[in-house]
Structures are given as structure tokens and as C-alpha cells.
PDB file of all heavy atoms in Angstrom:
ATOM      1  N   LEU A   1      93.756 -57.198  77.085  1.00  0.00           N
ATOM      2  CA  LEU A   1      92.530 -56.459  76.803  1.00  0.00           C
ATOM      3  C   LEU A   1      92.428 -56.236  75.301  1.00  0.00           C
ATOM      4  O   LEU A   1      93.429 -56.294  74.579  1.00  0.00           O
ATOM      5  CB  LEU A   1      92.528 -55.120  77.544  1.00  0.00           C
ATOM      6  CG  LEU A   1      92.396 -55.204  79.062  1.00  0.00           C
ATOM      7  CD1 LEU A   1      92.485 -53.812  79.667  1.00  0.00           C
ATOM      8  CD2 LEU A   1      91.092 -55.865  79.473  1.00  0.00           C
ATOM      9  N   PRO A   2      91.220 -55.989  74.794  1.00  0.00           N
ATOM     10  CA  PRO A   2      91.028 -55.909  73.340  1.00  0.00           C
ATOM     11  C   PRO A   2      91.490 -54.591  72.734  1.00  0.00           C
ATOM     12  O   PRO A   2      90.702 -53.794  72.214  1.00  0.00           O
ATOM     13  CB  PRO A   2      89.514 -56.105  73.185  1.00  0.00           C
ATOM     14  CG  PRO A   2      88.937 -55.555  74.438  1.00  0.00           C
ATOM     15  CD  PRO A   2      89.927 -55.908  75.508  1.00  0.00           C
ATOM     16  N   TYR A   3      92.793 -54.359  72.789  1.00  0.00           N
ATOM     17  CA  TYR A   3      93.403 -53.209  72.143  1.00  0.00           C
ATOM     18  C   TYR A   3      94.608 -53.686  71.366  1.00  0.00           C
ATOM     19  O   TYR A   3      95.469 -54.389  71.905  1.00  0.00           O
ATOM     20  CB  TYR A   3      93.817 -52.143  73.170  1.00  0.00           C
ATOM     21  CG  TYR A   3      92.653 -51.493  73.873  1.00  0.00           C
ATOM     22  CD1 TYR A   3      92.157 -52.022  75.061  1.00  0.00           C
ATOM     23  CD2 TYR A   3      92.043 -50.359  73.339  1.00  0.00           C
ATOM     24  CE1 TYR A   3      91.071 -51.442  75.695  1.00  0.00           C
ATOM     25  CE2 TYR A   3      90.960 -49.777  73.977  1.00  0.00           C
ATOM     26  CZ  TYR A   3      90.480 -50.313  75.160  1.00  0.00           C
ATOM     27  OH  TYR A   3      89.402 -49.750  75.783  1.00  0.00           O
ATOM     28  N   ALA A   4      94.675 -53.307  70.098  1.00  0.00           N
ATOM     29  CA  ALA A   4      95.811 -53.663  69.253  1.00  0.00           C
ATOM     30  C   ALA A   4      96.640 -52.416  68.975  1.00  0.00           C
ATOM     31  O   ALA A   4      96.098 -51.308  68.838  1.00  0.00           O
ATOM     32  CB  ALA A   4      95.335 -54.279  67.946  1.00  0.00           C
ATOM     33  N   PHE A   5      97.941 -52.630  68.881  1.00  0.00           N
ATOM     34  CA  PHE A   5      98.881 -51.550  68.591  1.00  0.00           C
ATOM     35  C   PHE A   5      99.567 -51.855  67.265  1.00  0.00           C
ATOM     36  O   PHE A   5     100.055 -52.958  67.050  1.00  0.00           O
ATOM     37  CB  PHE A   5      99.910 -51.423  69.709  1.00  0.00           C
ATOM     38  CG  PHE A   5      99.308 -51.113  71.047  1.00  0.00           C
ATOM     39  CD1 PHE A   5      98.778 -52.125  71.842  1.00  0.00           C
ATOM     40  CD2 PHE A   5      99.240 -49.812  71.508  1.00  0.00           C
ATOM     41  CE1 PHE A   5      98.210 -51.848  73.071  1.00  0.00           C
ATOM     42  CE2 PHE A   5      98.668 -49.522  72.740  1.00  0.00           C
ATOM     43  CZ  PHE A   5      98.144 -50.535  73.530  1.00  0.00           C
ATOM     44  N   PHE A   6      99.606 -50.853  66.382  1.00  0.00           N
ATOM     45  CA  PHE A   6     100.218 -50.999  65.073  1.00  0.00           C
ATOM     46  C   PHE A   6     101.324 -49.955  64.923  1.00  0.00           C
ATOM     47  O   PHE A   6     101.174 -48.815  65.367  1.00  0.00           O
ATOM     48  CB  PHE A   6      99.190 -50.800  63.957  1.00  0.00           C
ATOM     49  CG  PHE A   6      98.076 -51.799  63.963  1.00  0.00           C
ATOM     50  CD1 PHE A   6      96.924 -51.571  64.713  1.00  0.00           C
ATOM     51  CD2 PHE A   6      98.158 -52.970  63.237  1.00  0.00           C
ATOM     52  CE1 PHE A   6      95.877 -52.483  64.724  1.00  0.00           C
ATOM     53  CE2 PHE A   6      97.130 -53.899  63.244  1.00  0.00           C
ATOM     54  CZ  PHE A   6      95.985 -53.659  63.991  1.00  0.00           C
ATOM     55  N   GLY A   7     102.411 -50.359  64.270  1.00  0.00           N
ATOM     56  CA  GLY A   7     103.507 -49.430  63.999  1.00  0.00           C
ATOM     57  C   GLY A   7     103.551 -49.072  62.526  1.00  0.00           C
ATOM     58  O   GLY A   7     103.260 -49.888  61.656  1.00  0.00           O
ATOM     59  N   SER A   8     103.954 -47.839  62.239  1.00  0.00           N
ATOM     60  CA  SER A   8     104.009 -47.342  60.869  1.00  0.00           C
ATOM     61  C   SER A   8     105.433 -47.385  60.324  1.00  0.00           C
ATOM     62  O   SER A   8     106.367 -46.872  60.950  1.00  0.00           O
ATOM     63  CB  SER A   8     103.497 -45.898  60.810  1.00  0.00           C
ATOM     64  OG  SER A   8     103.776 -45.312  59.557  1.00  0.00           O
ATOM     65  N   LEU A   9     105.569 -47.984  59.135  1.00  0.00           N
ATOM     66  CA  LEU A   9     106.854 -47.936  58.440  1.00  0.00           C
ATOM     67  C   LEU A   9     107.140 -46.549  57.885  1.00  0.00           C
ATOM     68  O   LEU A   9     108.298 -46.194  57.635  1.00  0.00           O
ATOM     69  CB  LEU A   9     106.875 -48.943  57.293  1.00  0.00           C
ATOM     70  CG  LEU A   9     106.941 -50.423  57.641  1.00  0.00           C
ATOM     71  CD1 LEU A   9     106.852 -51.264  56.366  1.00  0.00           C
ATOM     72  CD2 LEU A   9     108.221 -50.754  58.396  1.00  0.00           C
ATOM     73  N   ALA A  10     106.098 -45.759  57.678  1.00  0.00           N
ATOM     74  CA  ALA A  10     106.261 -44.457  57.037  1.00  0.00           C
ATOM     75  C   ALA A  10     106.947 -43.446  57.952  1.00  0.00           C
ATOM     76  O   ALA A  10     107.914 -42.785  57.547  1.00  0.00           O
ATOM     77  CB  ALA A  10     104.903 -43.921  56.592  1.00  0.00           C
ATOM     78  N   ASP A  11     106.467 -43.336  59.193  1.00  0.00           N
ATOM     79  CA  ASP A  11     107.013 -42.305  60.080  1.00  0.00           C
ATOM     80  C   ASP A  11     107.186 -42.775  61.521  1.00  0.00           C
ATOM     81  O   ASP A  11     107.606 -41.999  62.377  1.00  0.00           O
ATOM     82  CB  ASP A  11     106.138 -41.053  60.063  1.00  0.00           C
ATOM     83  CG  ASP A  11     104.683 -41.334  60.426  1.00  0.00           C
ATOM     84  OD1 ASP A  11     104.401 -42.418  60.977  1.00  0.00           O
ATOM     85  OD2 ASP A  11     103.815 -40.458  60.165  1.00  0.00           O
ATOM     86  N   GLY A  12     106.841 -44.034  61.815  1.00  0.00           N
ATOM     87  CA  GLY A  12     107.032 -44.555  63.164  1.00  0.00           C
ATOM     88  C   GLY A  12     105.888 -44.311  64.114  1.00  0.00           C
ATOM     89  O   GLY A  12     105.988 -44.664  65.303  1.00  0.00           O
ATOM     90  N   ASP A  13     104.778 -43.726  63.647  1.00  0.00           N
ATOM     91  CA  ASP A  13     103.623 -43.522  64.529  1.00  0.00           C
ATOM     92  C   ASP A  13     103.145 -44.858  65.110  1.00  0.00           C
ATOM     93  O   ASP A  13     103.247 -45.902  64.464  1.00  0.00           O
ATOM     94  CB  ASP A  13     102.458 -42.888  63.773  1.00  0.00           C
ATOM     95  CG  ASP A  13     102.623 -41.403  63.555  1.00  0.00           C
ATOM     96  OD1 ASP A  13     103.625 -40.835  64.010  1.00  0.00           O
ATOM     97  OD2 ASP A  13     101.744 -40.813  62.881  1.00  0.00           O
ATOM     98  N   ILE A  14     102.585 -44.796  66.330  1.00  0.00           N
ATOM     99  CA  ILE A  14     101.938 -45.950  66.955  1.00  0.00           C
ATOM    100  C   ILE A  14     100.442 -45.676  67.014  1.00  0.00           C
ATOM    101  O   ILE A  14     100.001 -44.673  67.589  1.00  0.00           O
ATOM    102  CB  ILE A  14     102.487 -46.220  68.363  1.00  0.00           C
ATOM    103  CG1 ILE A  14     104.003 -46.458  68.320  1.00  0.00           C
ATOM    104  CG2 ILE A  14     101.771 -47.413  68.990  1.00  0.00           C
ATOM    105  CD1 ILE A  14     104.433 -47.673  67.518  1.00  0.00           C
ATOM    106  N   TYR A  15      99.670 -46.586  66.409  1.00  0.00           N
ATOM    107  CA  TYR A  15      98.222 -46.432  66.301  1.00  0.00           C
ATOM    108  C   TYR A  15      97.558 -47.508  67.150  1.00  0.00           C
ATOM    109  O   TYR A  15      97.829 -48.702  66.978  1.00  0.00           O
ATOM    110  CB  TYR A  15      97.815 -46.576  64.841  1.00  0.00           C
ATOM    111  CG  TYR A  15      96.376 -46.260  64.517  1.00  0.00           C
ATOM    112  CD1 TYR A  15      95.927 -44.954  64.465  1.00  0.00           C
ATOM    113  CD2 TYR A  15      95.473 -47.282  64.204  1.00  0.00           C
ATOM    114  CE1 TYR A  15      94.607 -44.663  64.124  1.00  0.00           C
ATOM    115  CE2 TYR A  15      94.153 -46.997  63.870  1.00  0.00           C
ATOM    116  CZ  TYR A  15      93.728 -45.678  63.840  1.00  0.00           C
ATOM    117  OH  TYR A  15      92.423 -45.396  63.501  1.00  0.00           O
ATOM    118  N   ARG A  16      96.687 -47.093  68.076  1.00  0.00           N
ATOM    119  CA  ARG A  16      95.996 -48.019  68.965  1.00  0.00           C
ATOM    120  C   ARG A  16      94.543 -48.177  68.527  1.00  0.00           C
ATOM    121  O   ARG A  16      93.844 -47.198  68.300  1.00  0.00           O
ATOM    122  CB  ARG A  16      96.042 -47.519  70.413  1.00  0.00           C
ATOM    123  CG  ARG A  16      95.446 -48.507  71.424  1.00  0.00           C
ATOM    124  CD  ARG A  16      95.646 -47.995  72.845  1.00  0.00           C
ATOM    125  NE  ARG A  16      94.920 -46.768  73.094  1.00  0.00           N
ATOM    126  CZ  ARG A  16      95.297 -45.829  73.973  1.00  0.00           C
ATOM    127  NH1 ARG A  16      96.406 -45.985  74.670  1.00  0.00           N
ATOM    128  NH2 ARG A  16      94.577 -44.732  74.155  1.00  0.00           N
ATOM    129  N   VAL A  17      94.100 -49.449  68.430  1.00  0.00           N
ATOM    130  CA  VAL A  17      92.752 -49.758  67.966  1.00  0.00           C
ATOM    131  C   VAL A  17      91.986 -50.510  69.045  1.00  0.00           C
ATOM    132  O   VAL A  17      92.511 -51.449  69.651  1.00  0.00           O
ATOM    133  CB  VAL A  17      92.797 -50.610  66.679  1.00  0.00           C
ATOM    134  CG1 VAL A  17      91.404 -51.100  66.312  1.00  0.00           C
ATOM    135  CG2 VAL A  17      93.392 -49.815  65.525  1.00  0.00           C
ATOM    136  N   ASN A  18      90.763 -50.104  69.284  1.00  0.00           N
ATOM    137  CA  ASN A  18      89.841 -50.848  70.131  1.00  0.00           C
ATOM    138  C   ASN A  18      89.267 -51.983  69.285  1.00  0.00           C
ATOM    139  O   ASN A  18      88.533 -51.739  68.323  1.00  0.00           O
ATOM    140  CB  ASN A  18      88.733 -49.915  70.622  1.00  0.00           C
ATOM    141  CG  ASN A  18      87.772 -50.591  71.583  1.00  0.00           C
ATOM    142  OD1 ASN A  18      87.508 -51.790  71.481  1.00  0.00           O
ATOM    143  ND2 ASN A  18      87.229 -49.817  72.512  1.00  0.00           N
ATOM    144  N   LEU A  19      89.590 -53.226  69.616  1.00  0.00           N
ATOM    145  CA  LEU A  19      89.143 -54.356  68.810  1.00  0.00           C
ATOM    146  C   LEU A  19      87.639 -54.594  68.909  1.00  0.00           C
ATOM    147  O   LEU A  19      87.060 -55.246  68.040  1.00  0.00           O
ATOM    148  CB  LEU A  19      89.892 -55.628  69.229  1.00  0.00           C
ATOM    149  CG  LEU A  19      91.405 -55.612  69.017  1.00  0.00           C
ATOM    150  CD1 LEU A  19      92.019 -56.913  69.527  1.00  0.00           C
ATOM    151  CD2 LEU A  19      91.758 -55.390  67.561  1.00  0.00           C
ATOM    152  N   VAL A  20      87.014 -54.077  69.947  1.00  0.00           N
ATOM    153  CA  VAL A  20      85.566 -54.229  70.086  1.00  0.00           C
ATOM    154  C   VAL A  20      84.835 -53.403  69.033  1.00  0.00           C
ATOM    155  O   VAL A  20      83.890 -53.868  68.400  1.00  0.00           O
ATOM    156  CB  VAL A  20      85.105 -53.824  71.497  1.00  0.00           C
ATOM    157  CG1 VAL A  20      83.594 -53.966  71.629  1.00  0.00           C
ATOM    158  CG2 VAL A  20      85.808 -54.662  72.561  1.00  0.00           C
ATOM    159  N   THR A  21      85.290 -52.180  68.829  1.00  0.00           N
ATOM    160  CA  THR A  21      84.588 -51.253  67.938  1.00  0.00           C
ATOM    161  C   THR A  21      85.298 -51.017  66.609  1.00  0.00           C
ATOM    162  O   THR A  21      84.674 -50.556  65.653  1.00  0.00           O
ATOM    163  CB  THR A  21      84.420 -49.893  68.625  1.00  0.00           C
ATOM    164  OG1 THR A  21      85.724 -49.316  68.842  1.00  0.00           O
ATOM    165  CG2 THR A  21      83.708 -50.047  69.968  1.00  0.00           C
ATOM    166  N   GLY A  22      86.604 -51.276  66.569  1.00  0.00           N
ATOM    167  CA  GLY A  22      87.388 -50.989  65.375  1.00  0.00           C
ATOM    168  C   GLY A  22      87.897 -49.561  65.304  1.00  0.00           C
ATOM    169  O   GLY A  22      88.613 -49.197  64.369  1.00  0.00           O
ATOM    170  N   SER A  23      87.533 -48.717  66.268  1.00  0.00           N
ATOM    171  CA  SER A  23      87.987 -47.326  66.261  1.00  0.00           C
ATOM    172  C   SER A  23      89.405 -47.235  66.783  1.00  0.00           C
ATOM    173  O   SER A  23      89.853 -48.070  67.583  1.00  0.00           O
ATOM    174  CB  SER A  23      87.062 -46.460  67.110  1.00  0.00           C
ATOM    175  OG  SER A  23      87.094 -46.889  68.465  1.00  0.00           O
ATOM    176  N   GLY A  24      90.140 -46.212  66.358  1.00  0.00           N
ATOM    177  CA  GLY A  24      91.522 -46.089  66.802  1.00  0.00           C
ATOM    178  C   GLY A  24      92.038 -44.677  66.703  1.00  0.00           C
ATOM    179  O   GLY A  24      91.373 -43.770  66.176  1.00  0.00           O
ATOM    180  N   LYS A  25      93.247 -44.479  67.225  1.00  0.00           N
ATOM    181  CA  LYS A  25      93.895 -43.177  67.162  1.00  0.00           C
ATOM    182  C   LYS A  25      95.402 -43.353  67.346  1.00  0.00           C
ATOM    183  O   LYS A  25      95.866 -44.356  67.908  1.00  0.00           O
ATOM    184  CB  LYS A  25      93.355 -42.243  68.242  1.00  0.00           C
ATOM    185  CG  LYS A  25      93.670 -42.674  69.668  1.00  0.00           C
ATOM    186  CD  LYS A  25      93.143 -41.661  70.675  1.00  0.00           C
ATOM    187  CE  LYS A  25      93.495 -42.069  72.108  1.00  0.00           C
ATOM    188  NZ  LYS A  25      93.013 -41.072  73.094  1.00  0.00           N
ATOM    189  N   VAL A  26      96.156 -42.380  66.880  1.00  0.00           N
ATOM    190  CA  VAL A  26      97.597 -42.349  67.106  1.00  0.00           C
ATOM    191  C   VAL A  26      97.843 -41.956  68.557  1.00  0.00           C
ATOM    192  O   VAL A  26      97.357 -40.915  69.010  1.00  0.00           O
ATOM    193  CB  VAL A  26      98.290 -41.352  66.158  1.00  0.00           C
ATOM    194  CG1 VAL A  26      99.754 -41.185  66.537  1.00  0.00           C
ATOM    195  CG2 VAL A  26      98.165 -41.817  64.713  1.00  0.00           C
ATOM    196  N   ILE A  27      98.563 -42.807  69.285  1.00  0.00           N
ATOM    197  CA  ILE A  27      98.853 -42.489  70.693  1.00  0.00           C
ATOM    198  C   ILE A  27     100.286 -42.015  70.887  1.00  0.00           C
ATOM    199  O   ILE A  27     100.614 -41.452  71.934  1.00  0.00           O
ATOM    200  CB  ILE A  27      98.596 -43.693  71.619  1.00  0.00           C
ATOM    201  CG1 ILE A  27      99.552 -44.856  71.302  1.00  0.00           C
ATOM    202  CG2 ILE A  27      97.141 -44.113  71.551  1.00  0.00           C
ATOM    203  CD1 ILE A  27      99.671 -45.858  72.417  1.00  0.00           C
ATOM    204  N   SER A  28     101.147 -42.250  69.897  1.00  0.00           N
ATOM    205  CA  SER A  28     102.539 -41.836  70.017  1.00  0.00           C
ATOM    206  C   SER A  28     103.051 -41.472  68.635  1.00  0.00           C
ATOM    207  O   SER A  28     103.064 -42.314  67.734  1.00  0.00           O
ATOM    208  CB  SER A  28     103.385 -42.962  70.620  1.00  0.00           C
ATOM    209  OG  SER A  28     104.737 -42.562  70.789  1.00  0.00           O
ATOM    210  N   GLU A  29     103.453 -40.224  68.464  1.00  0.00           N
ATOM    211  CA  GLU A  29     103.987 -39.802  67.176  1.00  0.00           C
ATOM    212  C   GLU A  29     105.389 -40.365  66.987  1.00  0.00           C
ATOM    213  O   GLU A  29     106.202 -40.359  67.912  1.00  0.00           O
ATOM    214  CB  GLU A  29     104.001 -38.281  67.076  1.00  0.00           C
ATOM    215  CG  GLU A  29     102.618 -37.667  67.016  1.00  0.00           C
ATOM    216  CD  GLU A  29     102.653 -36.179  66.720  1.00  0.00           C
ATOM    217  OE1 GLU A  29     103.778 -35.634  66.546  1.00  0.00           O
ATOM    218  OE2 GLU A  29     101.574 -35.566  66.653  1.00  0.00           O
TER     219      GLU A  29
END
């Protein structure tokens, strides 16, 4: 499905993005 997950080198947060709209949020601190 069109959702991308990104990991942060800074603090390890996981950020999920809706590829259809480009909007996203942190789903796991």
C-alpha cells in the first residue's frame, strides 16, 4: 500500500508517510 516508513538517525523515531498525499506523522518514538 502507498505508505512509506522512514527511520531517524537523530533519535530513532519512525515516520510514516502517505505517498498519495505526502502527509505523514511519527508513529513510533
